[in-house]
Amino acid sequence: MKAYIHTDIEGVAGWVFYAQTAHFGLANWHHTQRMNRLLTAEVLAAVRALEADGFTEIYVNDAHGYGYSLLFEEFPESCRIIHGRGGHGPGWTPFLDETINISIAIGQHPMAGTPCGNCNHSIWLLTDGKGNEHTLSETTMFALLAGVKGVPLVMVSGDDLLCKEVEQKIEGCALAPVKTSLGLQNACTLSPAASRKLIGEKVREGITNRTHTRPFVLPDPFRLNVADRDPAKPELEQPLEGDDIWKLMHAVCNRTYAKFGNTDAVDDRTFRWPPL
């Protein structure tokens, strides 16, 4: 069986704020390494639960920021790690297709505008084919992209507010709230050991309930826009329209920050990470 794990980092237990990216000092280096280790350990907790239930092919999407947060040398042979410069490559969710049995999202954060939401950002502003308006986090947008492929989102980890959003939109999805948001840069988190234990338990719960968790879908056609930090300030003057949510989501991204679909868009003579 095949599973897909979509990852971010702001929803990991222990994360409360970003490194000071304007200054690449020793403290920032240690912060980045600590958070990468915490994320990797949470993802591995999910991987072990999947392996124990017979999943032999596990795609892990390193989807935070620059797409290079996971310590991929820590992963077992069952995993295939998708990583590389964020906003580039063939798309946001490579290899997410109809052959995947279930999907999971680890390290997820609340959408932009969530009161007291720790590191809240990104909000998709969507109107569906029946005229209903929806606000989606990165997590529920991922669920929608998986849903059109017939893949259910069976488990999510992140803060309590993100879990609440998922609970309201995706019936049956197992939730692992590894921290309680107390503000934009404050939270009360579980210990790393407790968060990993909870994630493993909830992955097993999601696997058990997967036949009752339907793929998340909305009726087309769609009108779509996106905002970064302020929901009242969408990136596009007018939303884009279309029937295919996968193509539409990537078209919106490519109007803002991304170059999805242009696999040669990176100038690898000038782009380096970390900066030299």
C-alpha atoms as a PDB file:
ATOM      1  CA  MET A   1       0.000   0.000   0.000  1.00  0.00           C
ATOM      2  CA  LYS A   2       1.033   3.598  -0.647  1.00  0.00           C
ATOM      3  CA  ALA A   3       0.785   6.637   1.632  1.00  0.00           C
ATOM      4  CA  TYR A   4       1.596  10.331   1.150  1.00  0.00           C
ATOM      5  CA  ILE A   5       2.871  12.513   4.003  1.00  0.00           C
ATOM      6  CA  HIS A   6       2.680  16.262   3.415  1.00  0.00           C
ATOM      7  CA  THR A   7       4.867  18.240   5.828  1.00  0.00           C
ATOM      8  CA  ASP A   8       5.254  21.758   7.123  1.00  0.00           C
ATOM      9  CA  ILE A   9       7.171  22.926  10.170  1.00  0.00           C
ATOM     10  CA  GLU A  10       5.274  25.681  11.996  1.00  0.00           C
ATOM     11  CA  GLY A  11       2.899  23.154  13.575  1.00  0.00           C
ATOM     12  CA  VAL A  12       5.615  20.999  15.143  1.00  0.00           C
ATOM     13  CA  ALA A  13       5.726  20.718  18.932  1.00  0.00           C
ATOM     14  CA  GLY A  14       8.491  23.083  20.021  1.00  0.00           C
ATOM     15  CA  TRP A  15       8.137  25.582  17.186  1.00  0.00           C
ATOM     16  CA  VAL A  16       6.892  29.050  18.177  1.00  0.00           C
ATOM     17  CA  PHE A  17       8.674  31.512  15.855  1.00  0.00           C
ATOM     18  CA  TYR A  18      10.953  31.790  12.854  1.00  0.00           C
ATOM     19  CA  ALA A  19      14.700  32.197  12.849  1.00  0.00           C
ATOM     20  CA  GLN A  20      15.960  35.694  12.088  1.00  0.00           C
ATOM     21  CA  THR A  21      16.586  35.036   8.427  1.00  0.00           C
ATOM     22  CA  ALA A  22      18.288  38.390   7.864  1.00  0.00           C
ATOM     23  CA  HIS A  23      21.160  37.269  10.112  1.00  0.00           C
ATOM     24  CA  PHE A  24      22.812  33.907   9.538  1.00  0.00           C
ATOM     25  CA  GLY A  25      24.505  33.638  12.915  1.00  0.00           C
ATOM     26  CA  LEU A  26      25.186  30.654  15.138  1.00  0.00           C
ATOM     27  CA  ALA A  27      21.964  31.047  17.139  1.00  0.00           C
ATOM     28  CA  ASN A  28      19.881  30.967  13.949  1.00  0.00           C
ATOM     29  CA  TRP A  29      21.807  27.960  12.683  1.00  0.00           C
ATOM     30  CA  HIS A  30      21.053  26.079  15.895  1.00  0.00           C
ATOM     31  CA  HIS A  31      17.388  27.120  15.780  1.00  0.00           C
ATOM     32  CA  THR A  32      17.031  25.797  12.237  1.00  0.00           C
ATOM     33  CA  GLN A  33      18.759  22.519  13.074  1.00  0.00           C
ATOM     34  CA  ARG A  34      16.660  21.992  16.217  1.00  0.00           C
ATOM     35  CA  MET A  35      13.401  22.575  14.370  1.00  0.00           C
ATOM     36  CA  ASN A  36      14.460  20.310  11.509  1.00  0.00           C
ATOM     37  CA  ARG A  37      15.237  17.526  13.974  1.00  0.00           C
ATOM     38  CA  LEU A  38      11.880  17.960  15.717  1.00  0.00           C
ATOM     39  CA  LEU A  39      10.024  17.878  12.399  1.00  0.00           C
ATOM     40  CA  THR A  40      11.938  14.835  11.216  1.00  0.00           C
ATOM     41  CA  ALA A  41      11.157  12.948  14.424  1.00  0.00           C
ATOM     42  CA  GLU A  42       7.432  13.706  14.143  1.00  0.00           C
ATOM     43  CA  VAL A  43       7.339  12.546  10.538  1.00  0.00           C
ATOM     44  CA  LEU A  44       9.229   9.381  11.462  1.00  0.00           C
ATOM     45  CA  ALA A  45       6.623   8.655  14.142  1.00  0.00           C
ATOM     46  CA  ALA A  46       4.011   8.686  11.385  1.00  0.00           C
ATOM     47  CA  VAL A  47       6.211   6.570   9.099  1.00  0.00           C
ATOM     48  CA  ARG A  48       6.677   3.870  11.753  1.00  0.00           C
ATOM     49  CA  ALA A  49       2.919   3.658  12.320  1.00  0.00           C
ATOM     50  CA  LEU A  50       2.356   3.318   8.572  1.00  0.00           C
ATOM     51  CA  GLU A  51       5.004   0.628   8.223  1.00  0.00           C
ATOM     52  CA  ALA A  52       3.507  -1.309  11.135  1.00  0.00           C
ATOM     53  CA  ASP A  53       0.207  -1.407   9.258  1.00  0.00           C
ATOM     54  CA  GLY A  54       1.709  -2.728   6.030  1.00  0.00           C
ATOM     55  CA  PHE A  55       2.427   0.428   4.038  1.00  0.00           C
ATOM     56  CA  THR A  56       5.521  -0.273   1.954  1.00  0.00           C
ATOM     57  CA  GLU A  57       5.728   2.845  -0.235  1.00  0.00           C
ATOM     58  CA  ILE A  58       5.600   6.175   1.582  1.00  0.00           C
ATOM     59  CA  TYR A  59       6.063   9.500  -0.193  1.00  0.00           C
ATOM     60  CA  VAL A  60       7.182  12.302   2.120  1.00  0.00           C
ATOM     61  CA  ASN A  61       6.792  15.833   0.767  1.00  0.00           C
ATOM     62  CA  ASP A  62       9.267  18.277   2.337  1.00  0.00           C
ATOM     63  CA  ALA A  63       6.992  21.261   1.714  1.00  0.00           C
ATOM     64  CA  HIS A  64       8.148  23.933   4.164  1.00  0.00           C
ATOM     65  CA  GLY A  65       9.821  27.031   2.768  1.00  0.00           C
ATOM     66  CA  TYR A  66      12.929  26.092   0.856  1.00  0.00           C
ATOM     67  CA  GLY A  67      11.900  22.425   0.726  1.00  0.00           C
ATOM     68  CA  TYR A  68      14.952  21.104   2.534  1.00  0.00           C
ATOM     69  CA  SER A  69      13.952  20.768   6.194  1.00  0.00           C
ATOM     70  CA  LEU A  70      13.795  16.989   6.641  1.00  0.00           C
ATOM     71  CA  LEU A  71      16.901  15.080   7.625  1.00  0.00           C
ATOM     72  CA  PHE A  72      16.358  12.587   4.851  1.00  0.00           C
ATOM     73  CA  GLU A  73      19.244  10.340   5.868  1.00  0.00           C
ATOM     74  CA  GLU A  74      17.181   9.355   8.922  1.00  0.00           C
ATOM     75  CA  PHE A  75      14.393   7.777   6.867  1.00  0.00           C
ATOM     76  CA  PRO A  76      13.900   4.038   6.227  1.00  0.00           C
ATOM     77  CA  GLU A  77      13.850   2.338   2.844  1.00  0.00           C
ATOM     78  CA  SER A  78      10.061   2.530   2.584  1.00  0.00           C
ATOM     79  CA  CYS A  79      10.252   6.316   2.128  1.00  0.00           C
ATOM     80  CA  ARG A  80      10.803   8.455  -0.913  1.00  0.00           C
ATOM     81  CA  ILE A  81      11.589  12.065  -0.003  1.00  0.00           C
ATOM     82  CA  ILE A  82      10.347  14.867  -2.260  1.00  0.00           C
ATOM     83  CA  HIS A  83      12.441  17.962  -1.650  1.00  0.00           C
ATOM     84  CA  GLY A  84      14.056  20.927  -3.317  1.00  0.00           C
ATOM     85  CA  ARG A  85      13.555  24.636  -3.782  1.00  0.00           C
ATOM     86  CA  GLY A  86      10.067  25.671  -2.715  1.00  0.00           C
ATOM     87  CA  GLY A  87       7.732  27.112  -5.356  1.00  0.00           C
ATOM     88  CA  HIS A  88       9.584  25.358  -8.157  1.00  0.00           C
ATOM     89  CA  GLY A  89       9.518  21.918  -9.740  1.00  0.00           C
ATOM     90  CA  PRO A  90       6.445  20.316 -11.284  1.00  0.00           C
ATOM     91  CA  GLY A  91       4.048  21.346  -8.516  1.00  0.00           C
ATOM     92  CA  TRP A  92       3.288  21.644  -4.815  1.00  0.00           C
ATOM     93  CA  THR A  93       2.425  17.952  -4.356  1.00  0.00           C
ATOM     94  CA  PRO A  94       4.462  15.786  -6.750  1.00  0.00           C
ATOM     95  CA  PHE A  95       3.471  12.089  -6.954  1.00  0.00           C
ATOM     96  CA  LEU A  96       0.108  12.707  -5.267  1.00  0.00           C
ATOM     97  CA  ASP A  97      -2.118  10.705  -7.604  1.00  0.00           C
ATOM     98  CA  GLU A  98      -4.867   8.081  -7.751  1.00  0.00           C
ATOM     99  CA  THR A  99      -2.463   5.275  -6.785  1.00  0.00           C
ATOM    100  CA  ILE A 100      -2.037   6.696  -3.264  1.00  0.00           C
ATOM    101  CA  ASN A 101      -4.255   4.990  -0.669  1.00  0.00           C
ATOM    102  CA  ILE A 102      -4.190   7.606   2.104  1.00  0.00           C
ATOM    103  CA  SER A 103      -2.639  10.973   2.907  1.00  0.00           C
ATOM    104  CA  ILE A 104      -1.362  12.482   6.156  1.00  0.00           C
ATOM    105  CA  ALA A 105      -0.273  16.035   7.055  1.00  0.00           C
ATOM    106  CA  ILE A 106       2.362  16.692   9.742  1.00  0.00           C
ATOM    107  CA  GLY A 107       3.523  19.990  11.291  1.00  0.00           C
ATOM    108  CA  GLN A 108       0.553  22.038  10.126  1.00  0.00           C
ATOM    109  CA  HIS A 109      -0.258  25.624  11.162  1.00  0.00           C
ATOM    110  CA  PRO A 110      -3.471  27.717  11.254  1.00  0.00           C
ATOM    111  CA  MET A 111      -4.565  29.857   8.336  1.00  0.00           C
ATOM    112  CA  ALA A 112      -3.874  33.597   8.182  1.00  0.00           C
ATOM    113  CA  GLY A 113      -6.176  35.655  10.338  1.00  0.00           C
ATOM    114  CA  THR A 114      -6.757  32.959  12.969  1.00  0.00           C
ATOM    115  CA  PRO A 115      -6.956  34.795  16.334  1.00  0.00           C
ATOM    116  CA  CYS A 116      -4.066  33.721  18.606  1.00  0.00           C
ATOM    117  CA  GLY A 117      -2.895  31.301  15.934  1.00  0.00           C
ATOM    118  CA  ASN A 118       0.775  30.469  16.347  1.00  0.00           C
ATOM    119  CA  CYS A 119       2.633  31.519  13.170  1.00  0.00           C
ATOM    120  CA  ASN A 120      -0.671  31.741  11.311  1.00  0.00           C
ATOM    121  CA  HIS A 121      -0.277  32.530   7.626  1.00  0.00           C
ATOM    122  CA  SER A 122      -1.631  31.648   4.180  1.00  0.00           C
ATOM    123  CA  ILE A 123      -5.343  31.626   3.482  1.00  0.00           C
ATOM    124  CA  TRP A 124      -7.044  30.424   0.332  1.00  0.00           C
ATOM    125  CA  LEU A 125     -10.197  32.352  -0.573  1.00  0.00           C
ATOM    126  CA  LEU A 126     -12.372  30.006  -2.622  1.00  0.00           C
ATOM    127  CA  THR A 127     -15.870  30.238  -4.081  1.00  0.00           C
ATOM    128  CA  ASP A 128     -17.239  26.887  -5.258  1.00  0.00           C
ATOM    129  CA  GLY A 129     -19.619  26.030  -8.069  1.00  0.00           C
ATOM    130  CA  LYS A 130     -22.668  26.499  -5.846  1.00  0.00           C
ATOM    131  CA  GLY A 131     -21.625  29.997  -4.830  1.00  0.00           C
ATOM    132  CA  ASN A 132     -20.456  28.962  -1.353  1.00  0.00           C
ATOM    133  CA  GLU A 133     -17.436  30.837  -0.030  1.00  0.00           C
ATOM    134  CA  HIS A 134     -14.686  28.929   1.747  1.00  0.00           C
ATOM    135  CA  THR A 135     -11.500  29.866   3.591  1.00  0.00           C
ATOM    136  CA  LEU A 136      -8.861  27.161   3.482  1.00  0.00           C
ATOM    137  CA  SER A 137      -5.553  26.749   5.275  1.00  0.00           C
ATOM    138  CA  GLU A 138      -2.607  25.183   3.510  1.00  0.00           C
ATOM    139  CA  THR A 139      -3.708  21.925   5.152  1.00  0.00           C
ATOM    140  CA  THR A 140      -7.255  21.909   3.838  1.00  0.00           C
ATOM    141  CA  MET A 141      -6.045  23.055   0.417  1.00  0.00           C
ATOM    142  CA  PHE A 142      -3.771  20.004   0.448  1.00  0.00           C
ATOM    143  CA  ALA A 143      -6.784  17.895   1.436  1.00  0.00           C
ATOM    144  CA  LEU A 144      -8.720  19.324  -1.530  1.00  0.00           C
ATOM    145  CA  LEU A 145      -5.903  18.545  -3.962  1.00  0.00           C
ATOM    146  CA  ALA A 146      -5.749  15.010  -2.561  1.00  0.00           C
ATOM    147  CA  GLY A 147      -9.518  14.732  -2.667  1.00  0.00           C
ATOM    148  CA  VAL A 148      -9.798  15.320  -6.415  1.00  0.00           C
ATOM    149  CA  LYS A 149      -7.443  12.347  -6.821  1.00  0.00           C
ATOM    150  CA  GLY A 150      -9.723  10.246  -4.621  1.00  0.00           C
ATOM    151  CA  VAL A 151      -7.220  10.251  -1.737  1.00  0.00           C
ATOM    152  CA  PRO A 152      -8.605  10.856   1.778  1.00  0.00           C
ATOM    153  CA  LEU A 153      -6.733  12.907   4.380  1.00  0.00           C
ATOM    154  CA  VAL A 154      -6.895  10.532   7.344  1.00  0.00           C
ATOM    155  CA  MET A 155      -4.659  12.233   9.910  1.00  0.00           C
ATOM    156  CA  VAL A 156      -3.314  15.714  10.703  1.00  0.00           C
ATOM    157  CA  SER A 157      -0.907  17.022  13.351  1.00  0.00           C
ATOM    158  CA  GLY A 158      -0.405  20.651  14.301  1.00  0.00           C
ATOM    159  CA  ASP A 159      -1.711  23.212  16.759  1.00  0.00           C
ATOM    160  CA  ASP A 160      -5.186  23.070  18.322  1.00  0.00           C
ATOM    161  CA  LEU A 161      -6.654  25.795  16.084  1.00  0.00           C
ATOM    162  CA  LEU A 162      -5.587  24.116  12.861  1.00  0.00           C
ATOM    163  CA  CYS A 163      -6.996  20.845  14.161  1.00  0.00           C
ATOM    164  CA  LYS A 164     -10.287  22.593  14.886  1.00  0.00           C
ATOM    165  CA  GLU A 165     -10.515  23.819  11.289  1.00  0.00           C
ATOM    166  CA  VAL A 166      -9.850  20.323   9.932  1.00  0.00           C
ATOM    167  CA  GLU A 167     -12.422  18.828  12.302  1.00  0.00           C
ATOM    168  CA  GLN A 168     -15.063  21.216  10.947  1.00  0.00           C
ATOM    169  CA  LYS A 169     -14.331  20.376   7.305  1.00  0.00           C
ATOM    170  CA  ILE A 170     -13.184  16.746   7.121  1.00  0.00           C
ATOM    171  CA  GLU A 171     -15.316  14.301   9.035  1.00  0.00           C
ATOM    172  CA  GLY A 172     -13.417  11.336  10.429  1.00  0.00           C
ATOM    173  CA  CYS A 173      -9.905  12.744  10.058  1.00  0.00           C
ATOM    174  CA  ALA A 174      -7.807  11.790  13.105  1.00  0.00           C
ATOM    175  CA  LEU A 175      -6.285  14.823  14.818  1.00  0.00           C
ATOM    176  CA  ALA A 176      -3.077  15.188  16.820  1.00  0.00           C
ATOM    177  CA  PRO A 177      -2.968  18.636  18.474  1.00  0.00           C
ATOM    178  CA  VAL A 178       0.661  18.696  19.612  1.00  0.00           C
ATOM    179  CA  LYS A 179       0.463  22.250  20.914  1.00  0.00           C
ATOM    180  CA  THR A 180      -2.010  24.885  22.073  1.00  0.00           C
ATOM    181  CA  SER A 181      -1.618  28.270  20.383  1.00  0.00           C
ATOM    182  CA  LEU A 182      -1.309  31.219  22.761  1.00  0.00           C
ATOM    183  CA  GLY A 183      -0.482  33.909  20.215  1.00  0.00           C
ATOM    184  CA  LEU A 184       1.417  34.618  17.028  1.00  0.00           C
ATOM    185  CA  GLN A 185       4.731  33.635  18.619  1.00  0.00           C
ATOM    186  CA  ASN A 186       3.596  31.761  21.732  1.00  0.00           C
ATOM    187  CA  ALA A 187       2.324  28.251  22.411  1.00  0.00           C
ATOM    188  CA  CYS A 188       2.102  25.525  25.038  1.00  0.00           C
ATOM    189  CA  THR A 189       3.552  22.395  23.448  1.00  0.00           C
ATOM    190  CA  LEU A 190       3.709  18.749  24.312  1.00  0.00           C
ATOM    191  CA  SER A 191       7.150  17.319  24.944  1.00  0.00           C
ATOM    192  CA  PRO A 192       8.789  15.790  21.862  1.00  0.00           C
ATOM    193  CA  ALA A 193       8.258  12.284  23.252  1.00  0.00           C
ATOM    194  CA  ALA A 194       4.585  12.935  23.943  1.00  0.00           C
ATOM    195  CA  SER A 195       3.982  14.527  20.548  1.00  0.00           C
ATOM    196  CA  ARG A 196       5.538  11.588  18.707  1.00  0.00           C
ATOM    197  CA  LYS A 197       3.515   9.117  20.752  1.00  0.00           C
ATOM    198  CA  LEU A 198       0.312  11.010  19.977  1.00  0.00           C
ATOM    199  CA  ILE A 199       1.139  11.189  16.275  1.00  0.00           C
ATOM    200  CA  GLY A 200       1.733   7.445  16.123  1.00  0.00           C
ATOM    201  CA  GLU A 201      -1.553   6.761  17.890  1.00  0.00           C
ATOM    202  CA  LYS A 202      -3.498   9.087  15.618  1.00  0.00           C
ATOM    203  CA  VAL A 203      -1.955   7.672  12.446  1.00  0.00           C
ATOM    204  CA  ARG A 204      -3.098   4.212  13.551  1.00  0.00           C
ATOM    205  CA  GLU A 205      -6.545   5.655  14.273  1.00  0.00           C
ATOM    206  CA  GLY A 206      -6.669   7.284  10.852  1.00  0.00           C
ATOM    207  CA  ILE A 207      -5.672   4.038   9.138  1.00  0.00           C
ATOM    208  CA  THR A 208      -8.360   2.131  11.017  1.00  0.00           C
ATOM    209  CA  ASN A 209     -11.028   4.683  10.067  1.00  0.00           C
ATOM    210  CA  ARG A 210      -9.871   5.286   6.499  1.00  0.00           C
ATOM    211  CA  THR A 211     -12.833   3.551   4.871  1.00  0.00           C
ATOM    212  CA  HIS A 212     -15.144   6.005   6.656  1.00  0.00           C
ATOM    213  CA  THR A 213     -13.105   9.144   5.858  1.00  0.00           C
ATOM    214  CA  ARG A 214     -14.181  10.469   2.491  1.00  0.00           C
ATOM    215  CA  PRO A 215     -11.892  12.486   0.220  1.00  0.00           C
ATOM    216  CA  PHE A 216     -12.426  16.226   0.707  1.00  0.00           C
ATOM    217  CA  VAL A 217     -14.067  17.630  -2.424  1.00  0.00           C
ATOM    218  CA  LEU A 218     -15.997  20.775  -3.350  1.00  0.00           C
ATOM    219  CA  PRO A 219     -18.169  21.392  -6.430  1.00  0.00           C
ATOM    220  CA  ASP A 220     -16.620  23.140  -9.424  1.00  0.00           C
ATOM    221  CA  PRO A 221     -16.151  25.583 -11.098  1.00  0.00           C
ATOM    222  CA  PHE A 222     -14.025  27.616  -8.726  1.00  0.00           C
ATOM    223  CA  ARG A 223     -12.950  31.193  -8.138  1.00  0.00           C
ATOM    224  CA  LEU A 224      -9.687  31.347  -6.179  1.00  0.00           C
ATOM    225  CA  ASN A 225      -7.418  33.903  -4.547  1.00  0.00           C
ATOM    226  CA  VAL A 226      -4.813  33.737  -1.790  1.00  0.00           C
ATOM    227  CA  ALA A 227      -3.504  36.001   0.964  1.00  0.00           C
ATOM    228  CA  ASP A 228      -0.322  35.668   2.971  1.00  0.00           C
ATOM    229  CA  ARG A 229      -0.673  37.325   6.405  1.00  0.00           C
ATOM    230  CA  ASP A 230      -3.764  39.503   6.046  1.00  0.00           C
ATOM    231  CA  PRO A 231      -6.982  37.881   4.717  1.00  0.00           C
ATOM    232  CA  ALA A 232      -8.247  41.347   3.773  1.00  0.00           C
ATOM    233  CA  LYS A 233      -5.335  41.826   1.359  1.00  0.00           C
ATOM    234  CA  PRO A 234      -5.441  39.069  -1.278  1.00  0.00           C
ATOM    235  CA  GLU A 235      -2.467  38.761  -3.575  1.00  0.00           C
ATOM    236  CA  LEU A 236      -4.442  39.083  -6.830  1.00  0.00           C
ATOM    237  CA  GLU A 237      -6.675  42.024  -7.735  1.00  0.00           C
ATOM    238  CA  GLN A 238      -9.248  39.549  -9.067  1.00  0.00           C
ATOM    239  CA  PRO A 239      -9.589  35.838  -8.322  1.00  0.00           C
ATOM    240  CA  LEU A 240      -8.780  33.326 -11.046  1.00  0.00           C
ATOM    241  CA  GLU A 241     -11.480  30.992 -12.330  1.00  0.00           C
ATOM    242  CA  GLY A 242     -11.424  27.389 -13.490  1.00  0.00           C
ATOM    243  CA  ASP A 243     -12.819  23.864 -13.231  1.00  0.00           C
ATOM    244  CA  ASP A 244      -9.599  22.054 -12.254  1.00  0.00           C
ATOM    245  CA  ILE A 245      -8.577  22.991  -8.694  1.00  0.00           C
ATOM    246  CA  TRP A 246      -5.067  21.567  -9.113  1.00  0.00           C
ATOM    247  CA  LYS A 247      -4.358  23.714 -12.172  1.00  0.00           C
ATOM    248  CA  LEU A 248      -6.105  26.726 -10.645  1.00  0.00           C
ATOM    249  CA  MET A 249      -4.197  26.576  -7.363  1.00  0.00           C
ATOM    250  CA  HIS A 250      -0.873  26.424  -9.200  1.00  0.00           C
ATOM    251  CA  ALA A 251      -1.916  29.248 -11.536  1.00  0.00           C
ATOM    252  CA  VAL A 252      -2.610  31.466  -8.515  1.00  0.00           C
ATOM    253  CA  CYS A 253       0.778  30.560  -7.016  1.00  0.00           C
ATOM    254  CA  ASN A 254       2.525  31.339 -10.287  1.00  0.00           C
ATOM    255  CA  ARG A 255       0.928  34.788 -10.350  1.00  0.00           C
ATOM    256  CA  THR A 256       2.487  35.535  -6.966  1.00  0.00           C
ATOM    257  CA  TYR A 257       5.730  33.870  -5.833  1.00  0.00           C
ATOM    258  CA  ALA A 258       6.123  30.541  -7.612  1.00  0.00           C
ATOM    259  CA  LYS A 259       7.389  29.099 -10.884  1.00  0.00           C
ATOM    260  CA  PHE A 260       5.659  25.727 -10.759  1.00  0.00           C
ATOM    261  CA  GLY A 261       5.860  23.754 -13.971  1.00  0.00           C
ATOM    262  CA  ASN A 262       9.042  25.467 -15.152  1.00  0.00           C
ATOM    263  CA  THR A 263      11.594  22.891 -14.058  1.00  0.00           C
ATOM    264  CA  ASP A 264      14.504  25.009 -15.351  1.00  0.00           C
ATOM    265  CA  ALA A 265      13.489  28.223 -13.548  1.00  0.00           C
ATOM    266  CA  VAL A 266      16.254  28.050 -10.938  1.00  0.00           C
ATOM    267  CA  ASP A 267      19.562  29.715 -11.705  1.00  0.00           C
ATOM    268  CA  ASP A 268      21.809  27.284  -9.878  1.00  0.00           C
ATOM    269  CA  ARG A 269      24.827  29.532 -10.390  1.00  0.00           C
ATOM    270  CA  THR A 270      23.357  32.156  -8.067  1.00  0.00           C
ATOM    271  CA  PHE A 271      20.881  30.249  -5.869  1.00  0.00           C
ATOM    272  CA  ARG A 272      22.492  28.461  -2.961  1.00  0.00           C
ATOM    273  CA  TRP A 273      21.186  27.244   0.406  1.00  0.00           C
ATOM    274  CA  PRO A 274      22.436  28.076   2.880  1.00  0.00           C
ATOM    275  CA  PRO A 275      23.994  31.297   1.553  1.00  0.00           C
ATOM    276  CA  LEU A 276      27.741  31.096   1.186  1.00  0.00           C
END
